[in-house]
Amino acid sequence: MELNQLKTFITVAEEQHLTRAAERLFTSQPAVSAQLKALEESLDVVLFDRTPKGMKLTPAGEKLLIQAQAALDAANLVVSKAKAMKGEVMGELSVGVNSDLAFLKIPELLVDASTAYPSIQLSFINSMSPDILRDIRKGKLDTGFFFGSSTTNDLHVVKVADIKTAIVAPIAWQERIHQASVEELGAMPWIYTTERCPFYHLTEAMFGEAGIVPSKAVFVDNEESIRQLVKSGLGISLLRMDDAEQAEAEGWGTRWNGVPPSIALSVAVQTRRVQEPILQAWVDELSKFWTIDESDLPRQLVS
């Protein structure tokens, strides 16, 4: 039994599909099949049922998957600890980003990290919060930012900030928006995010408490698109406070005088990986630019 076989087993179990697993592993489908066959022969156990819909774990496969993951994690930790013992944290780290890099303080972090951890290569992948959480769970991302909450045990969550929000309207609606009631706001045309966005649920909760169904003019899933549609005069939307302040400074937007709910901005890593030196280094960098509660920090980072 080889570690590569365990990695293949885990990836196929996560993807439930040989082709998708091969794409993740940067290899061919026949190579994946061969790895699985070799592992099953060495263990003398059938790990998967091959079905028309894909690869389904057998009962024995489900039991061994937990042990396989633990074995692979232990091997990876030995390698990363050995590198750290040499005085240098090394490796590649893929980070999901759910907003613009300046807002997430990525440029400042990169400048500092290039000195503090020169042997870590960071890659940033634009995505949406729910997709970032999914991809961290699947191992497609090492870590990532997300809005909202996650309470599942498989993810360790580090909250970096509570983000204030504001309802922003086109500048021409200034008199109409400032003192509007919640009922009047709901009747105005809204530039809405899609259901997969945490801001969607934040807005729905705000109106739901008042028993109001807002008028949804259009749905978009991109922050810049929302800003452009508000700017063009098509409707109002819930934006981050910094976006609202920028809209007013640039003269194309105006804020409602009320106070919408804030939303948490957090970073997640797999719980089983929090002791890896490279992820410890990542959280260390975050703590330099965000105010993080010590209770959220992995134990080795708490002095």
Protein backbone atom coordinates (compact mmCIF):
# COMPACT_ATOMS: atom_id res chain seq x y z
CA MET A 1 0.00 0.00 0.00
CA GLU A 2 1.34 3.41 -1.02
CA LEU A 3 0.43 6.93 0.04
CA ASN A 4 -0.48 7.82 -3.55
CA GLN A 5 -3.01 5.00 -3.52
CA LEU A 6 -4.59 6.40 -0.36
CA LYS A 7 -4.73 9.88 -1.92
CA THR A 8 -6.44 8.43 -4.99
CA PHE A 9 -8.91 6.51 -2.82
CA ILE A 10 -9.82 9.65 -0.86
CA THR A 11 -10.17 11.80 -3.98
CA VAL A 12 -12.45 9.31 -5.75
CA ALA A 13 -14.55 9.03 -2.58
CA GLU A 14 -14.95 12.82 -2.52
CA GLU A 15 -15.69 13.25 -6.22
CA GLN A 16 -17.65 9.99 -6.65
CA HIS A 17 -16.45 10.03 -10.24
CA LEU A 18 -13.27 8.69 -11.87
CA THR A 19 -12.88 11.46 -14.46
CA ARG A 20 -13.30 14.29 -11.95
CA ALA A 21 -10.91 12.55 -9.57
CA ALA A 22 -8.35 12.21 -12.36
CA GLU A 23 -8.65 15.93 -13.15
CA ARG A 24 -8.01 16.81 -9.50
CA LEU A 25 -5.02 14.50 -9.35
CA PHE A 26 -3.62 15.73 -12.69
CA THR A 27 -3.54 12.21 -14.09
CA SER A 28 -5.56 9.96 -16.40
CA GLN A 29 -8.68 7.95 -15.63
CA PRO A 30 -6.91 4.62 -16.37
CA ALA A 31 -4.18 5.60 -13.90
CA VAL A 32 -6.78 6.30 -11.22
CA SER A 33 -8.49 2.97 -11.90
CA ALA A 34 -5.15 1.18 -11.68
CA GLN A 35 -4.33 2.84 -8.34
CA LEU A 36 -7.71 1.81 -6.92
CA LYS A 37 -7.36 -1.75 -8.20
CA ALA A 38 -3.89 -2.06 -6.65
CA LEU A 39 -5.14 -0.73 -3.31
CA GLU A 40 -8.15 -3.06 -3.28
CA GLU A 41 -5.90 -6.01 -4.06
CA SER A 42 -3.41 -5.13 -1.33
CA LEU A 43 -6.21 -4.72 1.22
CA ASP A 44 -8.29 -7.61 -0.17
CA VAL A 45 -11.35 -5.38 0.12
CA VAL A 46 -13.75 -3.91 -2.44
CA LEU A 47 -13.81 -0.17 -1.78
CA PHE A 48 -16.31 1.01 -4.40
CA ASP A 49 -19.39 -0.12 -6.25
CA ARG A 50 -19.14 1.04 -9.86
CA THR A 51 -22.60 2.38 -10.79
CA PRO A 52 -23.96 4.21 -13.88
CA LYS A 53 -24.06 7.38 -11.77
CA GLY A 54 -20.49 7.07 -10.55
CA MET A 55 -18.40 5.56 -7.79
CA LYS A 56 -20.21 4.67 -4.56
CA LEU A 57 -18.34 3.62 -1.43
CA THR A 58 -19.06 0.13 -0.15
CA PRO A 59 -19.71 -0.25 3.60
CA ALA A 60 -16.10 -1.43 3.95
CA GLY A 61 -14.92 1.56 1.90
CA GLU A 62 -16.80 3.97 4.16
CA LYS A 63 -15.10 2.53 7.24
CA LEU A 64 -11.62 2.55 5.68
CA LEU A 65 -11.99 6.07 4.28
CA ILE A 66 -11.68 7.55 7.79
CA GLN A 67 -8.52 5.57 8.47
CA ALA A 68 -7.07 6.40 5.06
CA GLN A 69 -7.59 10.11 5.64
CA ALA A 70 -5.98 9.90 9.07
CA ALA A 71 -2.99 8.03 7.63
CA LEU A 72 -2.51 10.56 4.82
CA ASP A 73 -2.85 13.48 7.23
CA ALA A 74 -0.24 11.95 9.53
CA ALA A 75 2.18 11.46 6.64
CA ASN A 76 1.68 15.03 5.42
CA LEU A 77 2.21 16.37 8.93
CA VAL A 78 5.49 14.47 9.27
CA VAL A 79 6.75 16.06 6.04
CA SER A 80 5.66 19.59 6.99
CA LYS A 81 7.06 19.26 10.53
CA ALA A 82 10.37 18.06 9.14
CA LYS A 83 10.56 21.11 6.90
CA ALA A 84 9.65 23.38 9.81
CA MET A 85 12.43 21.84 11.93
CA LYS A 86 14.89 23.16 9.38
CA GLY A 87 13.75 26.65 10.34
CA GLU A 88 11.71 27.35 7.25
CA VAL A 89 8.03 26.82 6.50
CA MET A 90 7.71 25.75 2.88
CA GLY A 91 5.00 24.84 0.44
CA GLU A 92 2.10 26.06 -1.66
CA LEU A 93 -1.14 27.41 -0.23
CA SER A 94 -4.32 27.88 -2.26
CA VAL A 95 -6.64 30.55 -0.85
CA GLY A 96 -10.25 31.17 -1.87
CA VAL A 97 -11.19 34.85 -2.00
CA ASN A 98 -14.80 36.00 -1.90
CA SER A 99 -14.26 39.73 -2.46
CA ASP A 100 -11.77 42.19 -3.90
CA LEU A 101 -8.18 41.75 -2.75
CA ALA A 102 -7.83 45.27 -1.33
CA PHE A 103 -10.83 44.77 0.97
CA LEU A 104 -9.37 41.47 2.19
CA LYS A 105 -6.00 43.18 2.84
CA ILE A 106 -4.24 40.72 0.56
CA PRO A 107 -1.67 43.18 -0.89
CA GLU A 108 -0.41 44.11 2.60
CA LEU A 109 -0.38 40.47 3.66
CA LEU A 110 1.63 39.47 0.59
CA VAL A 111 4.26 42.13 1.24
CA ASP A 112 4.70 40.96 4.83
CA ALA A 113 4.57 37.25 3.99
CA SER A 114 7.29 37.62 1.36
CA THR A 115 9.65 38.51 4.22
CA ALA A 116 8.24 36.43 7.07
CA TYR A 117 7.64 33.27 5.00
CA PRO A 118 9.56 33.58 1.73
CA SER A 119 9.25 29.88 0.90
CA ILE A 120 5.45 29.83 0.94
CA GLN A 121 3.83 30.30 -2.46
CA LEU A 122 0.31 31.72 -2.21
CA SER A 123 -2.33 31.30 -4.91
CA PHE A 124 -5.62 33.22 -4.75
CA ILE A 125 -8.75 31.85 -6.42
CA ASN A 126 -11.85 34.04 -6.84
CA SER A 127 -15.03 32.28 -5.80
CA MET A 128 -18.23 32.64 -3.75
CA SER A 129 -18.48 31.93 -0.03
CA PRO A 130 -20.43 28.63 -0.25
CA ASP A 131 -18.15 27.33 -3.01
CA ILE A 132 -15.06 28.24 -0.99
CA LEU A 133 -16.32 26.26 2.00
CA ARG A 134 -17.18 23.31 -0.23
CA ASP A 135 -13.77 23.35 -1.91
CA ILE A 136 -11.93 23.54 1.42
CA ARG A 137 -13.85 20.47 2.58
CA LYS A 138 -12.96 18.64 -0.63
CA GLY A 139 -9.31 19.65 -0.45
CA LYS A 140 -9.44 21.72 -3.63
CA LEU A 141 -8.52 24.77 -1.53
CA ASP A 142 -6.29 24.87 1.55
CA THR A 143 -8.11 27.82 3.10
CA GLY A 144 -10.31 30.75 2.16
CA PHE A 145 -12.40 33.74 3.15
CA PHE A 146 -16.17 33.56 3.44
CA PHE A 147 -19.11 35.68 4.58
CA GLY A 148 -21.66 34.36 7.04
CA SER A 149 -21.29 31.41 9.39
CA SER A 150 -20.21 27.78 9.36
CA THR A 151 -20.64 25.54 12.39
CA THR A 152 -19.62 22.16 10.98
CA ASN A 153 -16.99 20.22 12.94
CA ASP A 154 -14.87 19.46 9.88
CA LEU A 155 -13.90 23.13 9.48
CA HIS A 156 -11.95 25.33 11.88
CA VAL A 157 -13.23 28.88 11.50
CA VAL A 158 -11.28 32.03 12.37
CA LYS A 159 -13.49 35.13 12.38
CA VAL A 160 -11.50 38.14 11.23
CA ALA A 161 -14.16 40.90 11.34
CA ASP A 162 -17.79 41.90 11.61
CA ILE A 163 -18.47 43.80 8.40
CA LYS A 164 -20.90 46.71 8.58
CA THR A 165 -23.37 47.02 5.72
CA ALA A 166 -25.46 49.80 4.20
CA ILE A 167 -28.40 50.08 1.82
CA VAL A 168 -27.27 52.13 -1.17
CA ALA A 169 -29.42 53.83 -3.79
CA PRO A 170 -28.61 55.86 -6.92
CA ILE A 171 -27.71 59.45 -6.06
CA ALA A 172 -30.84 60.72 -7.80
CA TRP A 173 -32.92 58.91 -5.16
CA GLN A 174 -31.35 60.82 -2.26
CA GLU A 175 -34.53 62.42 -0.91
CA ARG A 176 -36.51 59.25 -1.50
CA ILE A 177 -34.12 56.91 0.32
CA HIS A 178 -32.77 58.76 3.36
CA GLN A 179 -35.79 58.64 5.67
CA ALA A 180 -37.62 55.75 4.01
CA SER A 181 -39.38 53.20 6.21
CA VAL A 182 -38.60 49.51 5.84
CA GLU A 183 -41.93 49.12 4.04
CA GLU A 184 -40.98 51.86 1.58
CA LEU A 185 -37.58 50.30 1.05
CA GLY A 186 -39.19 46.97 0.23
CA ALA A 187 -41.35 48.56 -2.45
CA MET A 188 -38.34 50.01 -4.28
CA PRO A 189 -36.65 47.95 -7.03
CA TRP A 190 -33.81 45.86 -5.59
CA ILE A 191 -30.58 44.68 -7.17
CA TYR A 192 -30.47 41.30 -5.44
CA THR A 193 -27.76 38.71 -5.05
CA THR A 194 -28.48 35.05 -5.80
CA GLU A 195 -29.62 32.60 -3.13
CA ARG A 196 -26.12 31.17 -2.86
CA CYS A 197 -24.76 34.47 -1.51
CA PRO A 198 -24.80 35.18 2.26
CA PHE A 199 -25.90 38.77 1.51
CA TYR A 200 -29.09 37.35 0.01
CA HIS A 201 -30.00 35.66 3.28
CA LEU A 202 -29.01 38.76 5.26
CA THR A 203 -31.39 40.91 3.21
CA GLU A 204 -34.15 38.31 3.37
CA ALA A 205 -33.85 38.13 7.16
CA MET A 206 -34.02 41.92 7.47
CA PHE A 207 -37.27 42.10 5.50
CA GLY A 208 -38.61 38.85 6.93
CA GLU A 209 -38.58 40.29 10.45
CA ALA A 210 -40.88 43.06 9.21
CA GLY A 211 -43.08 40.67 7.22
CA ILE A 212 -42.14 42.34 3.93
CA VAL A 213 -41.41 40.78 0.54
CA PRO A 214 -39.00 43.12 -1.28
CA SER A 215 -39.39 43.99 -4.95
CA LYS A 216 -36.56 42.10 -6.68
CA ALA A 217 -35.78 43.76 -10.00
CA VAL A 218 -32.71 41.73 -11.00
CA PHE A 219 -30.39 39.05 -9.60
CA VAL A 220 -26.59 39.15 -9.94
CA ASP A 221 -23.82 37.27 -8.12
CA ASN A 222 -20.93 39.68 -8.56
CA GLU A 223 -20.14 42.65 -6.30
CA GLU A 224 -18.87 44.85 -9.12
CA SER A 225 -22.00 44.13 -11.18
CA ILE A 226 -24.21 45.15 -8.24
CA ARG A 227 -22.31 48.42 -7.86
CA GLN A 228 -22.61 49.16 -11.58
CA LEU A 229 -26.36 48.48 -11.64
CA VAL A 230 -26.97 50.73 -8.64
CA LYS A 231 -24.78 53.39 -10.22
CA SER A 232 -26.81 53.18 -13.44
CA GLY A 233 -30.03 53.92 -11.52
CA LEU A 234 -31.73 50.52 -11.79
CA GLY A 235 -32.33 49.99 -8.08
CA ILE A 236 -31.00 49.76 -4.55
CA SER A 237 -28.90 47.09 -2.88
CA LEU A 238 -27.25 45.97 0.35
CA LEU A 239 -23.51 46.63 0.14
CA ARG A 240 -20.54 46.59 2.46
CA MET A 241 -20.16 49.87 4.35
CA ASP A 242 -16.83 50.60 2.66
CA ASP A 243 -18.52 50.23 -0.74
CA ALA A 244 -21.30 52.56 0.38
CA GLU A 245 -18.83 55.18 1.57
CA GLN A 246 -16.95 54.94 -1.72
CA ALA A 247 -20.21 55.35 -3.66
CA GLU A 248 -20.93 58.57 -1.76
CA ALA A 249 -17.36 59.83 -2.17
CA GLU A 250 -17.54 59.24 -5.92
CA GLY A 251 -20.93 60.94 -6.11
CA TRP A 252 -23.04 58.13 -7.62
CA GLY A 253 -24.63 56.60 -4.52
CA THR A 254 -26.47 57.60 -1.36
CA ARG A 255 -27.17 55.68 1.85
CA TRP A 256 -30.33 54.87 3.76
CA ASN A 257 -30.18 56.36 7.26
CA GLY A 258 -31.12 53.09 8.96
CA VAL A 259 -28.69 50.44 10.21
CA PRO A 260 -28.86 47.05 8.43
CA PRO A 261 -27.36 43.99 10.12
CA SER A 262 -23.63 43.33 9.86
CA ILE A 263 -22.13 40.14 8.48
CA ALA A 264 -19.17 38.07 9.69
CA LEU A 265 -16.06 37.73 7.56
CA SER A 266 -14.13 34.57 8.43
CA VAL A 267 -11.42 32.26 7.20
CA ALA A 268 -11.73 28.47 7.27
CA VAL A 269 -9.32 25.55 7.20
CA GLN A 270 -9.96 21.85 7.62
CA THR A 271 -10.03 21.05 11.34
CA ARG A 272 -7.76 18.06 10.85
CA ARG A 273 -5.10 20.31 9.26
CA VAL A 274 -4.91 23.19 11.74
CA GLN A 275 -1.58 22.04 13.17
CA GLU A 276 0.20 22.01 9.80
CA PRO A 277 3.02 24.60 9.92
CA ILE A 278 2.00 26.20 6.62
CA LEU A 279 -1.54 26.80 7.86
CA GLN A 280 -0.21 28.03 11.20
CA ALA A 281 1.87 30.52 9.21
CA TRP A 282 -1.21 31.60 7.24
CA VAL A 283 -3.21 32.31 10.40
CA ASP A 284 -0.18 34.10 11.85
CA GLU A 285 -0.18 36.43 8.83
CA LEU A 286 -3.91 37.03 9.16
CA SER A 287 -3.49 38.02 12.80
CA LYS A 288 -1.13 40.82 11.75
CA PHE A 289 -3.82 42.55 9.69
CA TRP A 290 -7.09 41.55 11.36
CA THR A 291 -8.17 41.57 15.00
CA ILE A 292 -8.69 37.90 15.78
CA ASP A 293 -10.13 36.50 18.99
CA GLU A 294 -7.59 34.21 20.69
CA SER A 295 -10.28 31.57 21.12
CA ASP A 296 -10.36 31.17 17.32
CA LEU A 297 -6.60 30.68 17.00
CA PRO A 298 -5.04 27.20 16.72
CA ARG A 299 -3.44 26.36 20.05
CA GLN A 300 0.18 26.67 18.94
CA LEU A 301 -0.42 30.30 17.92
CA VAL A 302 -1.72 31.32 21.35
CA SER A 303 1.13 32.46 23.56
